[in-house]
């Protein structure tokens, strides 16, 4: 592994690549989650519960599923290694923009 760290400015190319990495995963996994949870309202319909109540329950489950799912996807994207860069979280020491190398 290369020990040299080069800080890249997030230009539009990098911005769009990271954005797309987030968006397609959010879309795909949300569709899978929605399809996976469509059986829940059907159970309520069998018991004759009002459609408006079922919509409220569906919204509740949508939030319960989508918020943790989006957090997991953001974490995945933060760990992803792109073709020519990787996202790094660098601890800032005070107001300095300089990176200090520490030998382990």
C-alpha atoms as a PDB file:
ATOM      1  CA  UNK A   1       0.000   0.000   0.000  1.00  0.00           C
ATOM      2  CA  UNK A   2       1.201   3.486  -0.800  1.00  0.00           C
ATOM      3  CA  UNK A   3       2.053   5.508   2.346  1.00  0.00           C
ATOM      4  CA  UNK A   4       1.731   8.824   0.539  1.00  0.00           C
ATOM      5  CA  UNK A   5      -1.592  10.601   1.012  1.00  0.00           C
ATOM      6  CA  UNK A   6      -2.758  13.030  -1.615  1.00  0.00           C
ATOM      7  CA  UNK A   7      -5.786  15.101  -0.694  1.00  0.00           C
ATOM      8  CA  UNK A   8      -8.092  15.586  -3.665  1.00  0.00           C
ATOM      9  CA  UNK A   9     -10.554  18.416  -3.922  1.00  0.00           C
ATOM     10  CA  UNK A  10     -14.066  17.081  -4.448  1.00  0.00           C
ATOM     11  CA  UNK A  11     -14.491  18.192  -8.065  1.00  0.00           C
ATOM     12  CA  UNK A  12     -17.684  17.488 -10.028  1.00  0.00           C
ATOM     13  CA  UNK A  13     -16.422  14.125 -11.277  1.00  0.00           C
ATOM     14  CA  UNK A  14     -15.795  12.857  -7.746  1.00  0.00           C
ATOM     15  CA  UNK A  15     -19.002  14.450  -6.483  1.00  0.00           C
ATOM     16  CA  UNK A  16     -21.100  12.743  -9.153  1.00  0.00           C
ATOM     17  CA  UNK A  17     -19.433   9.371  -8.643  1.00  0.00           C
ATOM     18  CA  UNK A  18     -20.045   9.422  -4.876  1.00  0.00           C
ATOM     19  CA  UNK A  19     -23.594  10.739  -5.389  1.00  0.00           C
ATOM     20  CA  UNK A  20     -24.381   7.991  -7.902  1.00  0.00           C
ATOM     21  CA  UNK A  21     -22.889   5.381  -5.580  1.00  0.00           C
ATOM     22  CA  UNK A  22     -25.344   6.498  -2.896  1.00  0.00           C
ATOM     23  CA  UNK A  23     -28.396   7.033  -5.111  1.00  0.00           C
ATOM     24  CA  UNK A  24     -28.455   3.728  -6.963  1.00  0.00           C
ATOM     25  CA  UNK A  25     -27.980   1.772  -3.747  1.00  0.00           C
ATOM     26  CA  UNK A  26     -30.681   3.746  -1.954  1.00  0.00           C
ATOM     27  CA  UNK A  27     -33.049   3.197  -4.874  1.00  0.00           C
ATOM     28  CA  UNK A  28     -32.303  -0.515  -5.337  1.00  0.00           C
ATOM     29  CA  UNK A  29     -32.373  -1.468  -1.665  1.00  0.00           C
ATOM     30  CA  UNK A  30     -35.475   0.626  -1.015  1.00  0.00           C
ATOM     31  CA  UNK A  31     -37.295  -1.166  -3.836  1.00  0.00           C
ATOM     32  CA  UNK A  32     -36.229  -4.521  -2.400  1.00  0.00           C
ATOM     33  CA  UNK A  33     -37.350  -3.460   1.092  1.00  0.00           C
ATOM     34  CA  UNK A  34     -40.698  -2.162  -0.169  1.00  0.00           C
ATOM     35  CA  UNK A  35     -41.363  -5.370  -2.089  1.00  0.00           C
ATOM     36  CA  UNK A  36     -40.267  -7.387   0.931  1.00  0.00           C
ATOM     37  CA  UNK A  37     -42.647  -5.557   3.267  1.00  0.00           C
ATOM     38  CA  UNK A  38     -45.725  -5.439   1.003  1.00  0.00           C
ATOM     39  CA  UNK A  39     -47.102  -8.532   2.699  1.00  0.00           C
ATOM     40  CA  UNK A  40     -47.643  -6.588   5.969  1.00  0.00           C
ATOM     41  CA  UNK A  41     -50.577  -4.448   4.735  1.00  0.00           C
ATOM     42  CA  UNK A  42     -52.146  -7.535   3.173  1.00  0.00           C
ATOM     43  CA  UNK A  43     -52.278  -9.175   6.591  1.00  0.00           C
ATOM     44  CA  UNK A  44     -54.160  -6.145   7.945  1.00  0.00           C
ATOM     45  CA  UNK A  45     -56.552  -6.258   4.978  1.00  0.00           C
ATOM     46  CA  UNK A  46     -57.412  -9.871   5.812  1.00  0.00           C
ATOM     47  CA  UNK A  47     -58.505  -8.754   9.286  1.00  0.00           C
ATOM     48  CA  UNK A  48     -60.676  -5.988   7.819  1.00  0.00           C
ATOM     49  CA  UNK A  49     -58.675  -2.999   9.082  1.00  0.00           C
ATOM     50  CA  UNK A  50     -59.470   0.347   7.424  1.00  0.00           C
ATOM     51  CA  UNK A  51     -57.344   1.283   4.411  1.00  0.00           C
ATOM     52  CA  UNK A  52     -56.326   4.651   5.929  1.00  0.00           C
ATOM     53  CA  UNK A  53     -54.987   2.871   9.020  1.00  0.00           C
ATOM     54  CA  UNK A  54     -53.063   0.498   6.764  1.00  0.00           C
ATOM     55  CA  UNK A  55     -51.531   3.467   4.904  1.00  0.00           C
ATOM     56  CA  UNK A  56     -50.420   4.952   8.236  1.00  0.00           C
ATOM     57  CA  UNK A  57     -48.890   1.632   9.261  1.00  0.00           C
ATOM     58  CA  UNK A  58     -47.175   1.394   5.864  1.00  0.00           C
ATOM     59  CA  UNK A  59     -45.695   4.874   6.308  1.00  0.00           C
ATOM     60  CA  UNK A  60     -44.477   3.950   9.776  1.00  0.00           C
ATOM     61  CA  UNK A  61     -42.784   0.780   8.496  1.00  0.00           C
ATOM     62  CA  UNK A  62     -41.331   2.752   5.585  1.00  0.00           C
ATOM     63  CA  UNK A  63     -39.609   5.133   7.994  1.00  0.00           C
ATOM     64  CA  UNK A  64     -38.510   2.322  10.297  1.00  0.00           C
ATOM     65  CA  UNK A  65     -36.879   0.524   7.359  1.00  0.00           C
ATOM     66  CA  UNK A  66     -35.569   3.423   5.249  1.00  0.00           C
ATOM     67  CA  UNK A  67     -33.710   5.402   7.918  1.00  0.00           C
ATOM     68  CA  UNK A  68     -31.468   2.541   9.150  1.00  0.00           C
ATOM     69  CA  UNK A  69     -31.083   1.315   5.571  1.00  0.00           C
ATOM     70  CA  UNK A  70     -29.856   4.722   4.403  1.00  0.00           C
ATOM     71  CA  UNK A  71     -27.362   4.883   7.294  1.00  0.00           C
ATOM     72  CA  UNK A  72     -25.962   1.460   6.355  1.00  0.00           C
ATOM     73  CA  UNK A  73     -25.652   2.526   2.706  1.00  0.00           C
ATOM     74  CA  UNK A  74     -23.781   5.728   3.636  1.00  0.00           C
ATOM     75  CA  UNK A  75     -21.396   3.646   5.769  1.00  0.00           C
ATOM     76  CA  UNK A  76     -20.871   1.252   2.860  1.00  0.00           C
ATOM     77  CA  UNK A  77     -20.077   4.133   0.483  1.00  0.00           C
ATOM     78  CA  UNK A  78     -17.628   5.622   3.008  1.00  0.00           C
ATOM     79  CA  UNK A  79     -15.686   2.322   3.004  1.00  0.00           C
ATOM     80  CA  UNK A  80     -15.890   1.804  -0.765  1.00  0.00           C
ATOM     81  CA  UNK A  81     -12.706   2.007  -2.809  1.00  0.00           C
ATOM     82  CA  UNK A  82     -13.358   3.725  -6.115  1.00  0.00           C
ATOM     83  CA  UNK A  83     -11.164   3.264  -9.171  1.00  0.00           C
ATOM     84  CA  UNK A  84      -8.831   6.175  -8.421  1.00  0.00           C
ATOM     85  CA  UNK A  85      -9.784   7.395  -4.942  1.00  0.00           C
ATOM     86  CA  UNK A  86     -11.193   6.408  -1.575  1.00  0.00           C
ATOM     87  CA  UNK A  87     -13.170   8.553   0.850  1.00  0.00           C
ATOM     88  CA  UNK A  88     -11.182   9.237   4.012  1.00  0.00           C
ATOM     89  CA  UNK A  89     -12.263  10.833   7.253  1.00  0.00           C
ATOM     90  CA  UNK A  90      -9.346  12.854   8.556  1.00  0.00           C
ATOM     91  CA  UNK A  91      -9.298  14.115  12.106  1.00  0.00           C
ATOM     92  CA  UNK A  92      -8.724  17.827  12.156  1.00  0.00           C
ATOM     93  CA  UNK A  93      -6.289  19.059  14.788  1.00  0.00           C
ATOM     94  CA  UNK A  94      -7.526  22.509  15.787  1.00  0.00           C
ATOM     95  CA  UNK A  95      -7.687  24.945  12.888  1.00  0.00           C
ATOM     96  CA  UNK A  96      -4.814  23.346  10.982  1.00  0.00           C
ATOM     97  CA  UNK A  97      -5.445  22.075   7.446  1.00  0.00           C
ATOM     98  CA  UNK A  98      -2.109  20.299   7.480  1.00  0.00           C
ATOM     99  CA  UNK A  99      -2.003  16.508   7.786  1.00  0.00           C
ATOM    100  CA  UNK A 100       0.425  15.266  10.389  1.00  0.00           C
ATOM    101  CA  UNK A 101       1.896  11.829   9.790  1.00  0.00           C
ATOM    102  CA  UNK A 102       2.056   9.523  12.767  1.00  0.00           C
ATOM    103  CA  UNK A 103       4.278   6.481  12.723  1.00  0.00           C
ATOM    104  CA  UNK A 104       2.738   3.414  14.299  1.00  0.00           C
END
